[in-house]
């Protein structure tokens, strides 16, 4: 799962997909550790089945943390993302990454704080009135609300919300950390290779990142 793919998800979808992405990583980590013991395939399958002890996202993350496969910081971030996933998945109302509640949760993630600290993108203020193109003709005829109108217009120009972008980048950083933490000293070289490969293929991608609200700060990766 690449950063651009996460960013292209809806404001609701990005949290659901991110949680599924991280859960899949934890699933692989646990299976890798269990296979060292040599149990039967049926035994392993029963562990991860719907009624099994390792069937849920919360149980997988808790076991990984309890056995030292992931750090306390990673576990804390996973719990926040899981709660975010649950809140948006069970909410029938429109989900907005820029809402105060979601924004505060995003900014509380340690992986996002690290991303912001090392982020070297440019920031912009977005004002549609200054654009001289005719690219909004189709959007103008869609009868959207002003807010949705702005978002569609910005996406048409390759921009996405700032907090959505730093969350997607933060998730990638968290996944890299989890992968690295789960390998022991013997497999350290392998973990380093995985990180290097992922960084080269994903983090060095040129993206335009913007918060789609007039007068708000936005970013662009160069």
N, C-alpha and C. Protein backbone atom coordinates (compact mmCIF):
# COMPACT_ATOMS: atom_id res chain seq x y z
N UNK A 1 0.85 -1.19 0.00
CA UNK A 1 0.00 0.00 0.00
C UNK A 1 0.89 1.24 0.00
N UNK A 2 0.81 2.04 -1.06
CA UNK A 2 1.66 3.22 -1.17
C UNK A 2 0.96 4.45 -0.60
N UNK A 3 1.74 5.48 -0.31
CA UNK A 3 1.19 6.73 0.20
C UNK A 3 0.18 7.34 -0.77
N UNK A 4 0.49 7.44 -2.08
CA UNK A 4 -0.50 7.99 -3.01
C UNK A 4 -1.83 7.23 -2.99
N UNK A 5 -1.78 5.91 -2.86
CA UNK A 5 -3.01 5.12 -2.81
C UNK A 5 -3.83 5.44 -1.58
N UNK A 6 -3.16 5.63 -0.45
CA UNK A 6 -3.88 6.01 0.77
C UNK A 6 -4.50 7.38 0.62
N UNK A 7 -3.74 8.32 0.07
CA UNK A 7 -4.23 9.68 -0.10
C UNK A 7 -5.44 9.73 -1.02
N UNK A 8 -5.49 8.84 -1.98
CA UNK A 8 -6.61 8.83 -2.93
C UNK A 8 -7.89 8.27 -2.33
N UNK A 9 -7.82 7.70 -1.14
CA UNK A 9 -9.02 7.22 -0.47
C UNK A 9 -9.86 8.41 0.01
N UNK A 10 -11.12 8.16 0.29
CA UNK A 10 -11.99 9.20 0.83
C UNK A 10 -11.58 9.51 2.26
N UNK A 11 -12.15 10.57 2.83
CA UNK A 11 -11.83 10.93 4.21
C UNK A 11 -12.21 9.82 5.19
N UNK A 12 -13.21 9.05 4.85
CA UNK A 12 -13.59 7.90 5.67
C UNK A 12 -12.70 6.70 5.33
N UNK A 13 -12.52 6.48 4.05
CA UNK A 13 -11.79 5.31 3.57
C UNK A 13 -10.34 5.25 4.01
N UNK A 14 -9.69 6.40 4.14
CA UNK A 14 -8.26 6.40 4.47
C UNK A 14 -8.00 5.77 5.83
N UNK A 15 -8.92 5.94 6.78
CA UNK A 15 -8.74 5.36 8.11
C UNK A 15 -9.06 3.87 8.11
N UNK A 16 -10.07 3.48 7.36
CA UNK A 16 -10.45 2.07 7.27
C UNK A 16 -9.36 1.26 6.57
N UNK A 17 -8.87 1.80 5.45
CA UNK A 17 -7.83 1.11 4.68
C UNK A 17 -6.51 1.08 5.46
N UNK A 18 -6.16 2.17 6.13
CA UNK A 18 -4.92 2.22 6.91
C UNK A 18 -4.93 1.18 8.02
N UNK A 19 -6.07 1.06 8.71
CA UNK A 19 -6.19 0.07 9.78
C UNK A 19 -6.06 -1.34 9.23
N UNK A 20 -6.69 -1.59 8.08
CA UNK A 20 -6.61 -2.92 7.46
C UNK A 20 -5.17 -3.22 7.02
N UNK A 21 -4.50 -2.20 6.53
CA UNK A 21 -3.10 -2.32 6.09
C UNK A 21 -2.20 -2.70 7.26
N UNK A 22 -2.35 -1.98 8.37
CA UNK A 22 -1.53 -2.25 9.56
C UNK A 22 -1.87 -3.61 10.16
N UNK A 23 -3.16 -3.94 10.18
CA UNK A 23 -3.57 -5.25 10.71
C UNK A 23 -2.95 -6.39 9.90
N UNK A 24 -2.87 -6.21 8.60
CA UNK A 24 -2.26 -7.24 7.74
C UNK A 24 -0.78 -7.40 8.06
N UNK A 25 -0.10 -6.28 8.35
CA UNK A 25 1.32 -6.33 8.72
C UNK A 25 1.48 -7.11 10.03
N UNK A 26 0.64 -6.79 11.02
CA UNK A 26 0.69 -7.49 12.31
C UNK A 26 0.38 -8.97 12.16
N UNK A 27 -0.56 -9.27 11.28
CA UNK A 27 -0.93 -10.66 10.99
C UNK A 27 0.28 -11.44 10.50
N UNK A 28 1.02 -10.83 9.57
CA UNK A 28 2.21 -11.48 9.00
C UNK A 28 3.31 -11.65 10.05
N UNK A 29 3.47 -10.64 10.91
CA UNK A 29 4.49 -10.70 11.96
C UNK A 29 4.20 -11.87 12.91
N UNK A 30 2.96 -11.97 13.34
CA UNK A 30 2.58 -13.04 14.27
C UNK A 30 2.73 -14.42 13.64
N UNK A 31 2.32 -14.56 12.40
CA UNK A 31 2.44 -15.85 11.72
C UNK A 31 3.90 -16.24 11.54
N UNK A 32 4.74 -15.23 11.29
CA UNK A 32 6.17 -15.49 11.14
C UNK A 32 6.76 -16.02 12.44
N UNK A 33 6.32 -15.45 13.56
CA UNK A 33 6.82 -15.89 14.86
C UNK A 33 6.28 -17.27 15.24
N UNK A 34 5.00 -17.49 14.97
CA UNK A 34 4.36 -18.77 15.31
C UNK A 34 4.97 -19.91 14.51
N UNK A 35 5.30 -19.65 13.26
CA UNK A 35 5.88 -20.68 12.40
C UNK A 35 7.23 -21.18 12.90
N UNK A 36 7.91 -20.37 13.72
CA UNK A 36 9.19 -20.79 14.28
C UNK A 36 9.01 -21.97 15.24
N UNK A 37 7.81 -22.04 15.84
CA UNK A 37 7.52 -23.12 16.79
C UNK A 37 7.17 -24.41 16.05
N UNK A 38 6.64 -24.26 14.85
CA UNK A 38 6.32 -25.42 14.02
C UNK A 38 4.96 -26.06 14.21
N UNK A 39 3.91 -25.28 14.54
CA UNK A 39 2.58 -25.89 14.69
C UNK A 39 1.97 -26.24 13.34
N UNK A 40 0.90 -27.02 13.35
CA UNK A 40 0.25 -27.40 12.10
C UNK A 40 -0.46 -26.20 11.47
N UNK A 41 -0.73 -26.31 10.18
CA UNK A 41 -1.42 -25.23 9.46
C UNK A 41 -2.82 -25.02 10.01
N UNK A 42 -3.48 -26.11 10.39
CA UNK A 42 -4.83 -26.01 10.94
C UNK A 42 -4.83 -25.27 12.27
N UNK A 43 -3.81 -25.52 13.07
CA UNK A 43 -3.69 -24.84 14.36
C UNK A 43 -3.54 -23.34 14.16
N UNK A 44 -2.66 -22.96 13.23
CA UNK A 44 -2.43 -21.54 12.94
C UNK A 44 -3.70 -20.91 12.38
N UNK A 45 -4.37 -21.63 11.49
CA UNK A 45 -5.60 -21.13 10.88
C UNK A 45 -6.66 -20.86 11.94
N UNK A 46 -6.78 -21.74 12.91
CA UNK A 46 -7.77 -21.58 13.97
C UNK A 46 -7.47 -20.38 14.86
N UNK A 47 -6.20 -20.07 15.01
CA UNK A 47 -5.81 -18.90 15.81
C UNK A 47 -6.34 -17.61 15.21
N UNK A 48 -6.33 -17.53 13.88
CA UNK A 48 -6.68 -16.30 13.19
C UNK A 48 -8.10 -16.29 12.62
N UNK A 49 -8.83 -17.39 12.79
CA UNK A 49 -10.22 -17.44 12.33
C UNK A 49 -11.08 -16.45 13.12
N UNK A 50 -12.30 -16.22 12.65
CA UNK A 50 -13.19 -15.24 13.26
C UNK A 50 -13.40 -15.46 14.75
N UNK A 51 -13.41 -16.71 15.18
CA UNK A 51 -13.63 -17.01 16.60
C UNK A 51 -12.32 -17.28 17.35
N UNK A 52 -11.20 -17.12 16.65
CA UNK A 52 -9.90 -17.40 17.25
C UNK A 52 -9.39 -16.27 18.13
N UNK A 53 -8.41 -16.56 18.98
CA UNK A 53 -7.86 -15.55 19.90
C UNK A 53 -7.11 -14.42 19.20
N UNK A 54 -6.70 -14.63 17.95
CA UNK A 54 -5.97 -13.60 17.21
C UNK A 54 -6.77 -13.12 16.00
N UNK A 55 -8.08 -13.09 16.15
CA UNK A 55 -8.94 -12.73 15.02
C UNK A 55 -9.13 -11.23 14.84
N UNK A 56 -8.96 -10.46 15.91
CA UNK A 56 -9.25 -9.02 15.84
C UNK A 56 -7.98 -8.18 15.75
N UNK A 57 -8.16 -6.96 15.28
CA UNK A 57 -7.07 -5.99 15.18
C UNK A 57 -6.49 -5.70 16.56
N UNK A 58 -7.37 -5.51 17.54
CA UNK A 58 -6.91 -5.18 18.89
C UNK A 58 -6.11 -6.32 19.52
N UNK A 59 -6.55 -7.56 19.32
CA UNK A 59 -5.83 -8.70 19.90
C UNK A 59 -4.46 -8.89 19.25
N UNK A 60 -4.39 -8.69 17.95
CA UNK A 60 -3.11 -8.83 17.24
C UNK A 60 -2.11 -7.78 17.72
N UNK A 61 -2.56 -6.54 17.84
CA UNK A 61 -1.66 -5.47 18.27
C UNK A 61 -1.25 -5.67 19.72
N UNK A 62 -2.18 -6.10 20.57
CA UNK A 62 -1.87 -6.31 21.99
C UNK A 62 -0.86 -7.43 22.18
N UNK A 63 -1.02 -8.53 21.46
CA UNK A 63 -0.09 -9.66 21.56
C UNK A 63 1.29 -9.26 21.04
N UNK A 64 1.32 -8.54 19.93
CA UNK A 64 2.61 -8.09 19.38
C UNK A 64 3.35 -7.22 20.39
N UNK A 65 2.62 -6.35 21.07
CA UNK A 65 3.24 -5.47 22.07
C UNK A 65 3.66 -6.27 23.30
N UNK A 66 2.79 -7.17 23.75
CA UNK A 66 3.06 -7.96 24.96
C UNK A 66 4.32 -8.80 24.82
N UNK A 67 4.58 -9.29 23.62
CA UNK A 67 5.75 -10.15 23.38
C UNK A 67 6.94 -9.38 22.81
N UNK A 68 6.88 -8.06 22.86
CA UNK A 68 8.01 -7.25 22.46
C UNK A 68 8.29 -7.21 20.97
N UNK A 69 7.28 -7.53 20.17
CA UNK A 69 7.47 -7.52 18.71
C UNK A 69 7.33 -6.11 18.14
N UNK A 70 6.63 -5.25 18.86
CA UNK A 70 6.52 -3.85 18.48
C UNK A 70 6.75 -3.00 19.73
N UNK A 71 7.12 -1.75 19.53
CA UNK A 71 7.42 -0.86 20.65
C UNK A 71 6.15 -0.28 21.27
N UNK A 72 6.32 0.34 22.43
CA UNK A 72 5.20 0.99 23.11
C UNK A 72 4.65 2.13 22.26
N UNK A 73 5.56 2.87 21.60
CA UNK A 73 5.15 3.99 20.76
C UNK A 73 4.31 3.51 19.58
N UNK A 74 4.75 2.44 18.95
CA UNK A 74 4.00 1.90 17.81
C UNK A 74 2.64 1.39 18.26
N UNK A 75 2.62 0.72 19.40
CA UNK A 75 1.36 0.19 19.92
C UNK A 75 0.37 1.32 20.22
N UNK A 76 0.89 2.40 20.79
CA UNK A 76 0.05 3.56 21.10
C UNK A 76 -0.57 4.15 19.83
N UNK A 77 0.24 4.28 18.79
CA UNK A 77 -0.26 4.81 17.51
C UNK A 77 -1.28 3.87 16.89
N UNK A 78 -1.02 2.58 16.98
CA UNK A 78 -1.96 1.59 16.42
C UNK A 78 -3.32 1.70 17.12
N UNK A 79 -3.31 1.87 18.43
CA UNK A 79 -4.56 2.00 19.18
C UNK A 79 -5.35 3.23 18.74
N UNK A 80 -4.66 4.33 18.51
CA UNK A 80 -5.33 5.56 18.06
C UNK A 80 -5.94 5.35 16.67
N UNK A 81 -5.17 4.73 15.78
CA UNK A 81 -5.67 4.49 14.42
C UNK A 81 -6.85 3.52 14.45
N UNK A 82 -6.79 2.52 15.32
CA UNK A 82 -7.91 1.57 15.44
C UNK A 82 -9.18 2.28 15.92
N UNK A 83 -9.03 3.17 16.89
CA UNK A 83 -10.19 3.93 17.38
C UNK A 83 -10.72 4.89 16.32
N UNK A 84 -9.82 5.47 15.56
CA UNK A 84 -10.24 6.34 14.45
C UNK A 84 -11.04 5.53 13.44
N UNK A 85 -10.52 4.35 13.10
CA UNK A 85 -11.21 3.45 12.17
C UNK A 85 -12.62 3.12 12.66
N UNK A 86 -12.71 2.78 13.93
CA UNK A 86 -14.00 2.41 14.50
C UNK A 86 -15.00 3.57 14.48
N UNK A 87 -14.51 4.76 14.80
CA UNK A 87 -15.41 5.92 14.87
C UNK A 87 -15.95 6.31 13.50
N UNK A 88 -15.11 6.28 12.46
CA UNK A 88 -15.59 6.67 11.13
C UNK A 88 -16.39 5.55 10.46
N UNK A 89 -16.06 4.31 10.79
CA UNK A 89 -16.76 3.18 10.17
C UNK A 89 -18.19 3.06 10.67
N UNK A 90 -18.43 3.51 11.90
CA UNK A 90 -19.77 3.39 12.48
C UNK A 90 -20.51 4.72 12.51
N UNK A 91 -20.01 5.69 11.79
CA UNK A 91 -20.65 7.01 11.72
C UNK A 91 -21.35 7.17 10.38
N UNK A 92 -22.65 7.49 10.41
CA UNK A 92 -23.40 7.65 9.17
C UNK A 92 -23.25 9.05 8.58
N UNK A 93 -22.74 9.98 9.39
CA UNK A 93 -22.57 11.35 8.93
C UNK A 93 -21.31 11.48 8.06
N UNK A 94 -21.22 12.58 7.35
CA UNK A 94 -20.06 12.82 6.50
C UNK A 94 -18.80 12.95 7.35
N UNK A 95 -17.74 12.35 6.90
CA UNK A 95 -16.46 12.38 7.62
C UNK A 95 -15.54 13.40 6.97
N UNK A 96 -14.96 14.26 7.79
CA UNK A 96 -14.05 15.29 7.29
C UNK A 96 -12.75 15.23 8.08
N UNK A 97 -11.64 14.99 7.39
CA UNK A 97 -10.33 14.92 8.03
C UNK A 97 -10.00 16.22 8.75
N UNK A 98 -10.58 17.32 8.28
CA UNK A 98 -10.29 18.63 8.86
C UNK A 98 -11.14 18.95 10.09
N UNK A 99 -12.03 18.06 10.48
CA UNK A 99 -12.84 18.31 11.68
C UNK A 99 -11.93 18.33 12.90
N UNK A 100 -12.31 19.09 13.90
CA UNK A 100 -11.46 19.27 15.08
C UNK A 100 -11.13 17.94 15.77
N UNK A 101 -12.13 17.07 15.89
CA UNK A 101 -11.94 15.79 16.59
C UNK A 101 -10.93 14.91 15.86
N UNK A 102 -11.12 14.75 14.55
CA UNK A 102 -10.22 13.90 13.77
C UNK A 102 -8.83 14.52 13.68
N UNK A 103 -8.80 15.83 13.46
CA UNK A 103 -7.51 16.52 13.35
C UNK A 103 -6.68 16.35 14.62
N UNK A 104 -7.31 16.48 15.78
CA UNK A 104 -6.58 16.36 17.05
C UNK A 104 -6.04 14.94 17.24
N UNK A 105 -6.80 13.95 16.81
CA UNK A 105 -6.34 12.56 16.92
C UNK A 105 -5.17 12.31 15.98
N UNK A 106 -5.25 12.85 14.79
CA UNK A 106 -4.16 12.69 13.82
C UNK A 106 -2.88 13.30 14.38
N UNK A 107 -3.00 14.50 14.93
CA UNK A 107 -1.83 15.21 15.45
C UNK A 107 -1.28 14.58 16.73
N UNK A 108 -2.05 13.70 17.38
CA UNK A 108 -1.58 13.03 18.59
C UNK A 108 -0.73 11.80 18.27
N UNK A 109 -0.75 11.38 17.01
CA UNK A 109 0.04 10.21 16.60
C UNK A 109 1.53 10.54 16.58
N UNK A 110 2.33 9.71 17.21
CA UNK A 110 3.77 9.94 17.23
C UNK A 110 4.38 9.83 15.84
N UNK A 111 3.84 8.93 15.02
CA UNK A 111 4.36 8.78 13.66
C UNK A 111 4.07 10.02 12.83
N UNK A 112 2.96 10.69 13.11
CA UNK A 112 2.62 11.92 12.40
C UNK A 112 3.49 13.07 12.89
N UNK A 113 3.74 13.12 14.20
CA UNK A 113 4.60 14.17 14.76
C UNK A 113 6.00 14.08 14.14
N UNK A 114 6.50 12.87 13.98
CA UNK A 114 7.82 12.68 13.35
C UNK A 114 7.78 13.10 11.89
N UNK A 115 6.66 12.82 11.22
CA UNK A 115 6.51 13.20 9.82
C UNK A 115 6.51 14.71 9.67
N UNK A 116 5.76 15.39 10.54
CA UNK A 116 5.69 16.86 10.48
C UNK A 116 7.06 17.46 10.75
N UNK A 117 7.78 16.88 11.72
CA UNK A 117 9.10 17.40 12.10
C UNK A 117 10.08 17.33 10.94
N UNK A 118 10.00 16.26 10.14
CA UNK A 118 10.95 16.07 9.04
C UNK A 118 10.38 16.50 7.69
N UNK A 119 9.17 17.03 7.70
CA UNK A 119 8.49 17.40 6.46
C UNK A 119 9.09 18.68 5.90
N UNK A 120 9.48 18.65 4.64
CA UNK A 120 10.14 19.81 4.03
C UNK A 120 9.33 20.37 2.85
N UNK A 121 8.05 20.10 2.86
CA UNK A 121 7.20 20.57 1.76
C UNK A 121 6.86 22.04 1.89
N UNK A 122 6.38 22.61 0.80
CA UNK A 122 5.94 24.00 0.80
C UNK A 122 4.50 24.07 1.26
N UNK A 123 4.12 25.23 1.81
CA UNK A 123 2.75 25.41 2.26
C UNK A 123 2.10 26.55 1.48
N UNK A 124 0.84 26.34 1.15
CA UNK A 124 0.11 27.31 0.34
C UNK A 124 -1.20 27.70 1.01
N UNK A 125 -1.72 28.86 0.61
CA UNK A 125 -3.09 29.22 0.92
C UNK A 125 -3.88 29.01 -0.35
N UNK A 126 -5.07 28.47 -0.22
CA UNK A 126 -5.85 28.11 -1.40
C UNK A 126 -6.98 29.10 -1.61
N UNK A 127 -7.00 29.74 -2.78
CA UNK A 127 -8.08 30.66 -3.13
C UNK A 127 -8.46 30.42 -4.58
N UNK A 128 -9.62 29.87 -4.79
CA UNK A 128 -10.05 29.50 -6.13
C UNK A 128 -10.20 30.70 -7.05
N UNK A 129 -10.52 31.85 -6.48
CA UNK A 129 -10.80 33.02 -7.30
C UNK A 129 -9.58 33.50 -8.07
N UNK A 130 -8.39 33.12 -7.61
CA UNK A 130 -7.17 33.57 -8.28
C UNK A 130 -6.81 32.71 -9.47
N UNK A 131 -7.51 31.58 -9.64
CA UNK A 131 -7.21 30.67 -10.74
C UNK A 131 -7.90 31.16 -12.02
N UNK A 132 -7.15 31.21 -13.10
CA UNK A 132 -7.66 31.77 -14.36
C UNK A 132 -8.06 30.69 -15.36
N UNK A 133 -8.02 29.41 -14.96
CA UNK A 133 -8.34 28.34 -15.91
C UNK A 133 -9.84 28.12 -15.98
N UNK A 134 -10.26 27.35 -16.97
CA UNK A 134 -11.68 27.01 -17.12
C UNK A 134 -11.95 25.57 -16.69
N UNK A 135 -11.10 25.05 -15.82
CA UNK A 135 -11.16 23.63 -15.46
C UNK A 135 -12.32 23.28 -14.55
N UNK A 136 -13.05 24.27 -14.04
CA UNK A 136 -14.15 23.97 -13.11
C UNK A 136 -15.51 23.99 -13.78
N UNK A 137 -15.55 24.11 -15.09
CA UNK A 137 -16.84 24.17 -15.79
C UNK A 137 -17.74 22.99 -15.45
N UNK A 138 -17.16 21.78 -15.48
CA UNK A 138 -17.95 20.58 -15.19
C UNK A 138 -18.38 20.57 -13.73
N UNK A 139 -17.45 20.90 -12.84
CA UNK A 139 -17.76 20.90 -11.40
C UNK A 139 -18.85 21.92 -11.09
N UNK A 140 -18.81 23.08 -11.76
CA UNK A 140 -19.81 24.12 -11.51
C UNK A 140 -21.23 23.63 -11.79
N UNK A 141 -21.35 22.65 -12.67
CA UNK A 141 -22.67 22.16 -13.07
C UNK A 141 -23.14 20.97 -12.22
N UNK A 142 -22.34 20.59 -11.22
CA UNK A 142 -22.67 19.40 -10.43
C UNK A 142 -23.59 19.70 -9.25
N UNK A 143 -23.81 20.99 -8.97
CA UNK A 143 -24.71 21.35 -7.88
C UNK A 143 -24.20 20.97 -6.51
N UNK A 144 -22.90 21.07 -6.29
CA UNK A 144 -22.32 20.67 -5.01
C UNK A 144 -22.39 21.81 -4.01
N UNK A 145 -22.26 21.48 -2.72
CA UNK A 145 -22.16 22.51 -1.70
C UNK A 145 -20.83 23.24 -1.88
N UNK A 146 -20.72 24.43 -1.29
CA UNK A 146 -19.49 25.21 -1.44
C UNK A 146 -18.27 24.42 -0.97
N UNK A 147 -18.43 23.70 0.15
CA UNK A 147 -17.32 22.93 0.69
C UNK A 147 -16.89 21.83 -0.27
N UNK A 148 -17.87 21.06 -0.76
CA UNK A 148 -17.56 19.99 -1.70
C UNK A 148 -17.03 20.56 -3.01
N UNK A 149 -17.55 21.71 -3.39
CA UNK A 149 -17.09 22.36 -4.62
C UNK A 149 -15.60 22.65 -4.53
N UNK A 150 -15.18 23.18 -3.39
CA UNK A 150 -13.77 23.50 -3.18
C UNK A 150 -12.91 22.24 -3.23
N UNK A 151 -13.39 21.17 -2.60
CA UNK A 151 -12.62 19.93 -2.54
C UNK A 151 -12.48 19.30 -3.92
N UNK A 152 -13.55 19.28 -4.68
CA UNK A 152 -13.49 18.72 -6.03
C UNK A 152 -12.55 19.54 -6.91
N UNK A 153 -12.63 20.85 -6.76
CA UNK A 153 -11.77 21.74 -7.55
C UNK A 153 -10.30 21.49 -7.22
N UNK A 154 -9.99 21.39 -5.93
CA UNK A 154 -8.61 21.18 -5.51
C UNK A 154 -8.10 19.83 -5.99
N UNK A 155 -8.93 18.79 -5.86
CA UNK A 155 -8.52 17.46 -6.31
C UNK A 155 -8.29 17.44 -7.82
N UNK A 156 -9.08 18.23 -8.55
CA UNK A 156 -8.92 18.31 -9.99
C UNK A 156 -7.54 18.84 -10.35
N UNK A 157 -6.99 19.68 -9.48
CA UNK A 157 -5.67 20.26 -9.71
C UNK A 157 -4.56 19.47 -9.01
N UNK A 158 -4.89 18.30 -8.49
CA UNK A 158 -3.87 17.43 -7.91
C UNK A 158 -3.56 17.69 -6.46
N UNK A 159 -4.45 18.40 -5.76
CA UNK A 159 -4.22 18.73 -4.37
C UNK A 159 -5.10 17.90 -3.44
N UNK A 160 -4.59 17.64 -2.23
CA UNK A 160 -5.37 16.95 -1.20
C UNK A 160 -5.17 17.65 0.13
N UNK A 161 -6.00 17.31 1.10
CA UNK A 161 -5.95 17.97 2.39
C UNK A 161 -4.63 17.69 3.12
N UNK A 162 -4.13 18.72 3.77
CA UNK A 162 -2.83 18.62 4.45
C UNK A 162 -2.84 17.53 5.52
N UNK A 163 -3.85 17.54 6.39
CA UNK A 163 -3.88 16.55 7.47
C UNK A 163 -4.07 15.13 6.94
N UNK A 164 -4.71 15.02 5.81
CA UNK A 164 -4.86 13.72 5.17
C UNK A 164 -3.50 13.23 4.67
N UNK A 165 -2.73 14.15 4.12
CA UNK A 165 -1.42 13.79 3.57
C UNK A 165 -0.43 13.39 4.66
N UNK A 166 -0.40 14.16 5.76
CA UNK A 166 0.55 13.82 6.82
C UNK A 166 0.13 12.54 7.55
N UNK A 167 -1.18 12.27 7.57
CA UNK A 167 -1.63 11.00 8.16
C UNK A 167 -1.16 9.83 7.30
N UNK A 168 -1.32 9.95 5.99
CA UNK A 168 -0.89 8.88 5.07
C UNK A 168 0.61 8.64 5.17
N UNK A 169 1.38 9.72 5.23
CA UNK A 169 2.83 9.60 5.36
C UNK A 169 3.20 9.02 6.73
N UNK A 170 2.45 9.43 7.75
CA UNK A 170 2.69 8.91 9.10
C UNK A 170 2.42 7.42 9.19
N UNK A 171 1.38 6.96 8.51
CA UNK A 171 1.06 5.53 8.49
C UNK A 171 2.19 4.74 7.86
N UNK A 172 2.75 5.26 6.77
CA UNK A 172 3.88 4.59 6.13
C UNK A 172 5.08 4.53 7.08
N UNK A 173 5.32 5.61 7.79
CA UNK A 173 6.42 5.63 8.76
C UNK A 173 6.18 4.60 9.87
N UNK A 174 4.94 4.51 10.33
CA UNK A 174 4.58 3.55 11.37
C UNK A 174 4.79 2.12 10.88
N UNK A 175 4.37 1.84 9.66
CA UNK A 175 4.54 0.50 9.09
C UNK A 175 6.01 0.14 8.99
N UNK A 176 6.84 1.09 8.57
CA UNK A 176 8.28 0.84 8.48
C UNK A 176 8.85 0.53 9.87
N UNK A 177 8.40 1.30 10.87
CA UNK A 177 8.86 1.08 12.25
C UNK A 177 8.45 -0.31 12.75
N UNK A 178 7.22 -0.68 12.48
CA UNK A 178 6.71 -1.99 12.91
C UNK A 178 7.51 -3.12 12.27
N UNK A 179 7.75 -3.00 10.98
CA UNK A 179 8.52 -4.02 10.26
C UNK A 179 9.92 -4.14 10.85
N UNK A 180 10.54 -3.00 11.12
CA UNK A 180 11.90 -2.99 11.64
C UNK A 180 11.96 -3.58 13.05
N UNK A 181 10.99 -3.18 13.89
CA UNK A 181 10.96 -3.64 15.29
C UNK A 181 10.73 -5.14 15.40
N UNK A 182 10.00 -5.70 14.43
CA UNK A 182 9.62 -7.11 14.53
C UNK A 182 10.74 -8.08 14.17
N UNK A 183 11.79 -7.56 13.53
CA UNK A 183 12.91 -8.43 13.17
C UNK A 183 13.94 -8.44 14.29
N UNK A 184 14.47 -9.60 14.62
CA UNK A 184 15.50 -9.69 15.65
C UNK A 184 16.85 -9.30 15.06
N UNK A 185 17.88 -9.35 15.87
CA UNK A 185 19.21 -8.93 15.45
C UNK A 185 19.72 -9.71 14.25
N UNK A 186 19.42 -11.00 14.23
CA UNK A 186 19.89 -11.85 13.13
C UNK A 186 19.33 -11.38 11.80
N UNK A 187 18.07 -10.93 11.83
CA UNK A 187 17.41 -10.51 10.61
C UNK A 187 17.47 -9.00 10.39
N UNK A 188 18.35 -8.33 11.13
CA UNK A 188 18.44 -6.89 11.03
C UNK A 188 18.76 -6.39 9.64
N UNK A 189 19.65 -7.10 8.94
CA UNK A 189 20.02 -6.70 7.58
C UNK A 189 18.82 -6.77 6.65
N UNK A 190 18.02 -7.80 6.81
CA UNK A 190 16.83 -7.95 5.98
C UNK A 190 15.85 -6.80 6.22
N UNK A 191 15.68 -6.43 7.50
CA UNK A 191 14.78 -5.34 7.83
C UNK A 191 15.26 -4.03 7.22
N UNK A 192 16.57 -3.81 7.27
CA UNK A 192 17.14 -2.60 6.68
C UNK A 192 16.88 -2.54 5.18
N UNK A 193 17.03 -3.67 4.52
CA UNK A 193 16.78 -3.73 3.08
C UNK A 193 15.32 -3.42 2.76
N UNK A 194 14.42 -3.93 3.59
CA UNK A 194 12.99 -3.68 3.38
C UNK A 194 12.69 -2.19 3.52
N UNK A 195 13.25 -1.59 4.56
CA UNK A 195 13.03 -0.17 4.79
C UNK A 195 13.57 0.67 3.63
N UNK A 196 14.78 0.34 3.20
CA UNK A 196 15.39 1.09 2.11
C UNK A 196 14.57 0.98 0.83
N UNK A 197 14.10 -0.22 0.54
CA UNK A 197 13.30 -0.44 -0.66
C UNK A 197 12.00 0.35 -0.60
N UNK A 198 11.34 0.32 0.55
CA UNK A 198 10.08 1.04 0.70
C UNK A 198 10.26 2.54 0.61
N UNK A 199 11.33 3.02 1.22
CA UNK A 199 11.60 4.46 1.19
C UNK A 199 11.86 4.93 -0.23
N UNK A 200 12.62 4.16 -0.98
CA UNK A 200 12.94 4.54 -2.34
C UNK A 200 11.72 4.51 -3.25
N UNK A 201 10.85 3.54 -3.05
CA UNK A 201 9.71 3.37 -3.95
C UNK A 201 8.51 4.22 -3.57
N UNK A 202 8.46 4.70 -2.32
CA UNK A 202 7.25 5.37 -1.89
C UNK A 202 7.47 6.78 -1.36
N UNK A 203 8.44 6.97 -0.49
CA UNK A 203 8.59 8.26 0.16
C UNK A 203 9.21 9.32 -0.74
N UNK A 204 9.88 8.89 -1.81
CA UNK A 204 10.46 9.87 -2.72
C UNK A 204 9.54 10.06 -3.92
N UNK A 205 8.27 10.20 -3.65
CA UNK A 205 7.28 10.42 -4.69
C UNK A 205 6.86 11.88 -4.65
N UNK A 206 6.84 12.52 -5.82
CA UNK A 206 6.43 13.92 -5.86
C UNK A 206 4.92 14.00 -5.79
N UNK A 207 4.41 14.69 -4.77
CA UNK A 207 2.97 14.84 -4.57
C UNK A 207 2.64 16.30 -4.32
N UNK A 208 1.45 16.71 -4.70
CA UNK A 208 0.94 18.01 -4.32
C UNK A 208 -0.04 17.77 -3.18
N UNK A 209 0.20 18.44 -2.06
CA UNK A 209 -0.62 18.22 -0.89
C UNK A 209 -1.21 19.54 -0.43
N UNK A 210 -2.52 19.61 -0.32
CA UNK A 210 -3.13 20.88 0.07
C UNK A 210 -4.36 20.67 0.94
N UNK A 211 -4.57 21.55 1.85
CA UNK A 211 -5.78 21.55 2.66
C UNK A 211 -6.83 22.33 1.89
N UNK A 212 -7.90 21.68 1.52
CA UNK A 212 -8.86 22.27 0.59
C UNK A 212 -9.85 23.20 1.27
N UNK A 213 -9.34 24.24 1.90
CA UNK A 213 -10.21 25.24 2.51
C UNK A 213 -9.56 26.60 2.31
N UNK A 214 -10.33 27.59 1.93
CA UNK A 214 -9.77 28.91 1.65
C UNK A 214 -9.00 29.44 2.85
N UNK A 215 -7.84 29.98 2.56
CA UNK A 215 -7.04 30.60 3.59
C UNK A 215 -6.34 29.63 4.52
N UNK A 216 -6.47 28.33 4.28
CA UNK A 216 -5.83 27.34 5.14
C UNK A 216 -4.46 26.97 4.61
N UNK A 217 -3.61 26.48 5.51
CA UNK A 217 -2.27 26.08 5.08
C UNK A 217 -2.32 24.76 4.35
N UNK A 218 -1.44 24.61 3.39
CA UNK A 218 -1.36 23.35 2.65
C UNK A 218 0.09 23.08 2.31
N UNK A 219 0.37 21.89 1.81
CA UNK A 219 1.75 21.52 1.56
C UNK A 219 1.93 20.88 0.21
N UNK A 220 3.14 20.96 -0.29
CA UNK A 220 3.49 20.28 -1.54
C UNK A 220 4.85 19.66 -1.38
N UNK A 221 4.94 18.35 -1.60
CA UNK A 221 6.23 17.67 -1.55
C UNK A 221 7.00 17.95 -2.82
N UNK A 222 8.23 18.34 -2.69
CA UNK A 222 9.06 18.62 -3.86
C UNK A 222 10.05 17.48 -4.05
